[in-house]
Amino acid sequence: MHDGLDPATRWDIVTHESLGVLVFVLTLLRLVWVALRPARPRFEMAGWMSAVSHLVHGLLWLLMLAVPVTAMLALGSEGHPLTLLGGLRVNEMPFIAQSALAPMADWGEVHGLLGDIILNLAGLHAAAAIYHHLVLKDGVLRAMAPRG
């Protein structure tokens, strides 16, 4: 985009942005489900483990919302279009470009940093789930699986 290329001609950009919007919408739907679902199972674990679990889950939720928001801030504040599969394109986002947030950071850099953080945190989360399953054998991983 910085070299004068039209993002709509780059399948990687269109796919990235389309998947980002999809993940954001699914995250919002998941938040609704979390608010309405029956209580999730609770497991006995050490106090520090419970505290870390809550912290990691909170950070994952925050990042699942912040990553796409920072992407939109980057696109809007830098004047780049949002290009999605199916030919949908939003060329200008004046509500972002003219907002007080736009000049506060290099939102593309923030987006990239948060993306790296969420990937690493998700990896640690997966490793902890496997640890619960293989070492602690406490049912935490089975509780995450869909009921069949």
Protein backbone atom coordinates (compact mmCIF):
# COMPACT_ATOMS: atom_id res chain seq x y z
CA MET A 1 0.00 0.00 0.00
CA HIS A 2 2.90 2.32 0.73
CA ASP A 3 4.25 1.62 -2.78
CA GLY A 4 1.10 2.83 -4.50
CA LEU A 5 -0.41 -0.63 -5.00
CA ASP A 6 -4.18 -1.01 -4.86
CA PRO A 7 -4.90 -3.40 -1.96
CA ALA A 8 -7.83 -4.87 -3.87
CA THR A 9 -5.34 -6.38 -6.33
CA ARG A 10 -3.52 -8.29 -3.58
CA TRP A 11 -5.24 -11.54 -2.63
CA ASP A 12 -3.21 -11.75 0.59
CA ILE A 13 -4.43 -8.35 1.78
CA VAL A 14 -8.04 -9.04 0.79
CA THR A 15 -7.94 -12.45 2.51
CA HIS A 16 -6.25 -11.03 5.64
CA GLU A 17 -8.78 -8.23 5.99
CA SER A 18 -11.74 -10.52 5.26
CA LEU A 19 -10.63 -13.08 7.84
CA GLY A 20 -9.98 -10.28 10.33
CA VAL A 21 -13.54 -8.96 9.95
CA LEU A 22 -14.89 -12.52 10.25
CA VAL A 23 -12.91 -13.19 13.43
CA PHE A 24 -14.12 -9.89 14.92
CA VAL A 25 -17.78 -10.71 14.17
CA LEU A 26 -17.37 -14.24 15.56
CA THR A 27 -15.70 -12.82 18.68
CA LEU A 28 -18.67 -10.50 19.25
CA LEU A 29 -21.08 -13.42 18.77
CA ARG A 30 -19.01 -15.52 21.17
CA LEU A 31 -19.23 -12.75 23.77
CA VAL A 32 -23.02 -12.85 23.47
CA TRP A 33 -22.92 -16.65 23.88
CA VAL A 34 -20.66 -16.37 26.94
CA ALA A 35 -23.13 -13.93 28.50
CA LEU A 36 -26.15 -16.17 27.82
CA ARG A 37 -24.83 -19.72 28.20
CA PRO A 38 -25.20 -21.89 31.26
CA ALA A 39 -22.37 -21.71 33.75
CA ARG A 40 -19.19 -23.36 32.53
CA PRO A 41 -17.66 -26.20 34.53
CA ARG A 42 -15.30 -25.26 37.35
CA PHE A 43 -12.19 -27.22 38.24
CA GLU A 44 -10.24 -27.36 41.47
CA MET A 45 -6.75 -25.99 40.93
CA ALA A 46 -4.07 -24.12 42.80
CA GLY A 47 -4.80 -20.47 43.51
CA TRP A 48 -1.94 -19.25 41.30
CA MET A 49 -3.19 -21.43 38.44
CA SER A 50 -6.67 -20.04 38.74
CA ALA A 51 -5.35 -16.46 38.82
CA VAL A 52 -3.15 -17.05 35.74
CA SER A 53 -6.08 -18.71 33.97
CA HIS A 54 -8.31 -15.70 34.57
CA LEU A 55 -5.56 -13.31 33.51
CA VAL A 56 -4.81 -15.20 30.28
CA HIS A 57 -8.48 -15.55 29.37
CA GLY A 58 -9.03 -11.84 30.00
CA LEU A 59 -6.02 -10.92 27.88
CA LEU A 60 -7.14 -13.22 25.06
CA TRP A 61 -10.61 -11.61 25.03
CA LEU A 62 -9.09 -8.14 25.12
CA LEU A 63 -6.72 -8.96 22.27
CA MET A 64 -9.45 -10.62 20.18
CA LEU A 65 -11.22 -7.26 20.26
CA ALA A 66 -8.17 -4.96 20.15
CA VAL A 67 -6.43 -6.56 17.17
CA PRO A 68 -9.24 -5.83 14.67
CA VAL A 69 -9.97 -2.42 16.23
CA THR A 70 -6.32 -1.39 15.78
CA ALA A 71 -6.48 -2.68 12.19
CA MET A 72 -9.45 -0.42 11.49
CA LEU A 73 -7.65 2.48 13.17
CA ALA A 74 -4.60 1.81 10.99
CA LEU A 75 -6.62 1.68 7.78
CA GLY A 76 -8.73 4.72 8.63
CA SER A 77 -5.96 6.92 9.96
CA GLU A 78 -3.60 6.10 7.07
CA GLY A 79 -6.27 6.52 4.39
CA HIS A 80 -6.13 2.92 3.18
CA PRO A 81 -9.29 1.16 1.96
CA LEU A 82 -10.79 -1.87 3.65
CA THR A 83 -10.99 -4.54 0.95
CA LEU A 84 -12.98 -7.73 1.46
CA LEU A 85 -13.65 -10.90 -0.48
CA GLY A 86 -16.63 -10.53 -2.77
CA GLY A 87 -15.58 -7.08 -3.93
CA LEU A 88 -16.77 -5.10 -0.89
CA ARG A 89 -14.58 -2.06 -0.43
CA VAL A 90 -14.69 0.89 1.94
CA ASN A 91 -12.42 3.55 0.47
CA GLU A 92 -12.58 6.17 3.21
CA MET A 93 -13.31 6.07 6.91
CA PRO A 94 -13.62 9.74 7.89
CA PHE A 95 -15.06 8.87 11.30
CA ILE A 96 -11.72 7.19 12.08
CA ALA A 97 -9.45 9.56 10.16
CA GLN A 98 -10.93 12.57 11.96
CA SER A 99 -11.14 10.97 15.39
CA ALA A 100 -8.95 11.96 18.31
CA LEU A 101 -7.46 8.43 18.33
CA ALA A 102 -6.09 8.54 14.77
CA PRO A 103 -2.92 10.54 15.46
CA MET A 104 -2.19 8.95 18.84
CA ALA A 105 -0.09 6.05 17.52
CA ASP A 106 1.16 4.23 14.47
CA TRP A 107 -1.83 1.90 14.54
CA GLY A 108 -0.31 -0.44 11.96
CA GLU A 109 2.63 -1.03 14.30
CA VAL A 110 0.28 -1.48 17.27
CA HIS A 111 -1.81 -3.94 15.24
CA GLY A 112 1.28 -5.97 14.33
CA LEU A 113 2.56 -6.01 17.91
CA LEU A 114 -0.82 -7.10 19.31
CA GLY A 115 -1.05 -9.76 16.60
CA ASP A 116 2.31 -11.18 17.69
CA ILE A 117 1.27 -11.08 21.34
CA ILE A 118 -2.02 -12.90 20.74
CA LEU A 119 -0.28 -15.64 18.72
CA ASN A 120 2.22 -16.24 21.51
CA LEU A 121 -0.42 -16.11 24.22
CA ALA A 122 -2.66 -18.53 22.30
CA GLY A 123 0.29 -20.91 22.02
CA LEU A 124 0.87 -20.76 25.76
CA HIS A 125 -2.85 -21.28 26.33
CA ALA A 126 -2.79 -24.40 24.14
CA ALA A 127 0.29 -25.71 25.95
CA ALA A 128 -1.45 -25.20 29.30
CA ALA A 129 -4.53 -27.08 28.05
CA ILE A 130 -2.32 -29.99 26.94
CA TYR A 131 -0.54 -29.92 30.32
CA HIS A 132 -3.91 -30.15 32.07
CA HIS A 133 -4.87 -33.09 29.87
CA LEU A 134 -1.65 -35.10 29.91
CA VAL A 135 -0.16 -34.30 33.32
CA LEU A 136 -2.97 -33.17 35.62
CA LYS A 137 -5.67 -35.29 33.95
CA ASP A 138 -8.30 -32.92 35.38
CA GLY A 139 -10.78 -32.69 32.52
CA VAL A 140 -10.04 -29.07 31.60
CA LEU A 141 -9.26 -29.89 27.96
CA ARG A 142 -12.30 -32.17 27.63
CA ALA A 143 -14.51 -29.37 28.95
CA MET A 144 -13.34 -27.15 26.05
CA ALA A 145 -14.36 -29.67 23.40
CA PRO A 146 -17.81 -29.51 21.83
CA ARG A 147 -20.32 -31.92 23.32
CA GLY A 148 -20.99 -34.82 20.94
